[in-house]
Amino acid sequence: MPDITMCNNHTCPKASKCYRHEATPNERWQSYSLFKPDDKGRCNHYLPIQDDEPIKVHEVLIALCSGEVWDDFMGDDKEDDE
């Protein structure tokens, strides 16, 4: 059961690849939000599922807090801003 705010945006093009959307919710208590991607299809709340296994949320938080670039977690889904 995830200890995260899950996403209930069913129209997002990355929903089927996102842990926030695909994780099994806590059956008693689960928070949700309608996260939306920007005009380029990027979402700051996107947590990719890799190799059929979700990434560990704490790894993302450590990376963000330590100054690592979020794009490192975007994998093949990242786009150039140019």
Protein backbone atom coordinates (compact mmCIF):
# COMPACT_ATOMS: atom_id res chain seq x y z
CA MET A 1 0.00 0.00 0.00
CA PRO A 2 1.51 3.30 -1.06
CA ASP A 3 2.16 6.07 1.42
CA ILE A 4 1.76 8.72 -1.27
CA THR A 5 -0.93 10.91 -2.74
CA MET A 6 -2.24 8.90 -5.65
CA CYS A 7 -3.38 10.38 -8.96
CA ASN A 8 -6.89 9.98 -10.28
CA ASN A 9 -6.31 11.71 -13.64
CA HIS A 10 -7.59 9.01 -15.98
CA THR A 11 -7.02 11.14 -19.10
CA CYS A 12 -3.27 11.59 -18.53
CA PRO A 13 -1.23 10.03 -21.37
CA LYS A 14 1.27 8.62 -18.85
CA ALA A 15 -1.29 7.21 -16.39
CA SER A 16 -0.61 3.56 -17.25
CA LYS A 17 3.14 4.10 -16.68
CA CYS A 18 2.82 6.09 -13.44
CA TYR A 19 3.08 4.58 -9.98
CA ARG A 20 0.84 7.31 -8.52
CA HIS A 21 -1.94 6.14 -10.84
CA GLU A 22 -1.34 2.37 -10.93
CA ALA A 23 -0.41 1.51 -7.33
CA THR A 24 -2.86 -0.44 -5.17
CA PRO A 25 -4.50 2.10 -2.84
CA ASN A 26 -4.82 1.67 0.89
CA GLU A 27 -8.31 0.25 1.39
CA ARG A 28 -9.02 2.30 4.52
CA TRP A 29 -7.30 5.61 3.96
CA GLN A 30 -5.83 6.98 0.74
CA SER A 31 -5.26 10.52 -0.46
CA TYR A 32 -5.83 11.42 -4.11
CA SER A 33 -5.20 14.42 -6.32
CA LEU A 34 -5.93 15.31 -9.91
CA PHE A 35 -2.33 15.90 -11.03
CA LYS A 36 -2.09 17.38 -14.51
CA PRO A 37 0.82 17.49 -16.96
CA ASP A 38 1.98 20.83 -18.38
CA ASP A 39 1.54 21.91 -22.01
CA LYS A 40 4.50 19.71 -23.04
CA GLY A 41 3.06 16.63 -21.32
CA ARG A 42 5.46 16.71 -18.36
CA CYS A 43 4.18 16.19 -14.83
CA ASN A 44 6.17 17.11 -11.73
CA HIS A 45 4.34 14.35 -9.83
CA TYR A 46 5.04 11.54 -12.33
CA LEU A 47 6.60 8.46 -10.71
CA PRO A 48 7.56 6.04 -13.49
CA ILE A 49 7.12 2.31 -13.19
CA GLN A 50 10.32 0.66 -14.39
CA ASP A 51 10.75 -3.01 -15.29
CA ASP A 52 7.21 -3.71 -14.03
CA GLU A 53 8.29 -2.52 -10.59
CA PRO A 54 7.57 0.95 -9.20
CA ILE A 55 10.55 3.05 -8.24
CA LYS A 56 10.93 3.58 -4.53
CA VAL A 57 9.33 6.87 -3.54
CA HIS A 58 12.04 7.53 -0.97
CA GLU A 59 14.66 7.38 -3.76
CA VAL A 60 12.85 10.17 -5.60
CA LEU A 61 12.57 12.27 -2.45
CA ILE A 62 16.27 11.81 -1.65
CA ALA A 63 17.19 12.77 -5.20
CA LEU A 64 15.01 15.88 -5.15
CA CYS A 65 16.30 16.97 -1.75
CA SER A 66 19.92 16.40 -2.72
CA GLY A 67 19.61 18.53 -5.86
CA GLU A 68 19.69 15.76 -8.45
CA VAL A 69 17.78 16.62 -11.60
CA TRP A 70 14.22 15.28 -11.81
CA ASP A 71 14.78 14.45 -15.50
CA ASP A 72 17.04 11.57 -14.40
CA PHE A 73 13.88 9.82 -13.24
CA MET A 74 11.95 10.60 -16.42
CA GLY A 75 13.96 8.12 -18.51
CA ASP A 76 12.85 7.85 -22.13
CA ASP A 77 9.82 10.05 -21.46
CA LYS A 78 11.81 13.27 -21.04
CA GLU A 79 11.76 15.92 -23.74
CA ASP A 80 14.23 18.63 -24.70
CA ASP A 81 13.08 22.16 -23.97
CA GLU A 82 14.63 23.44 -27.19
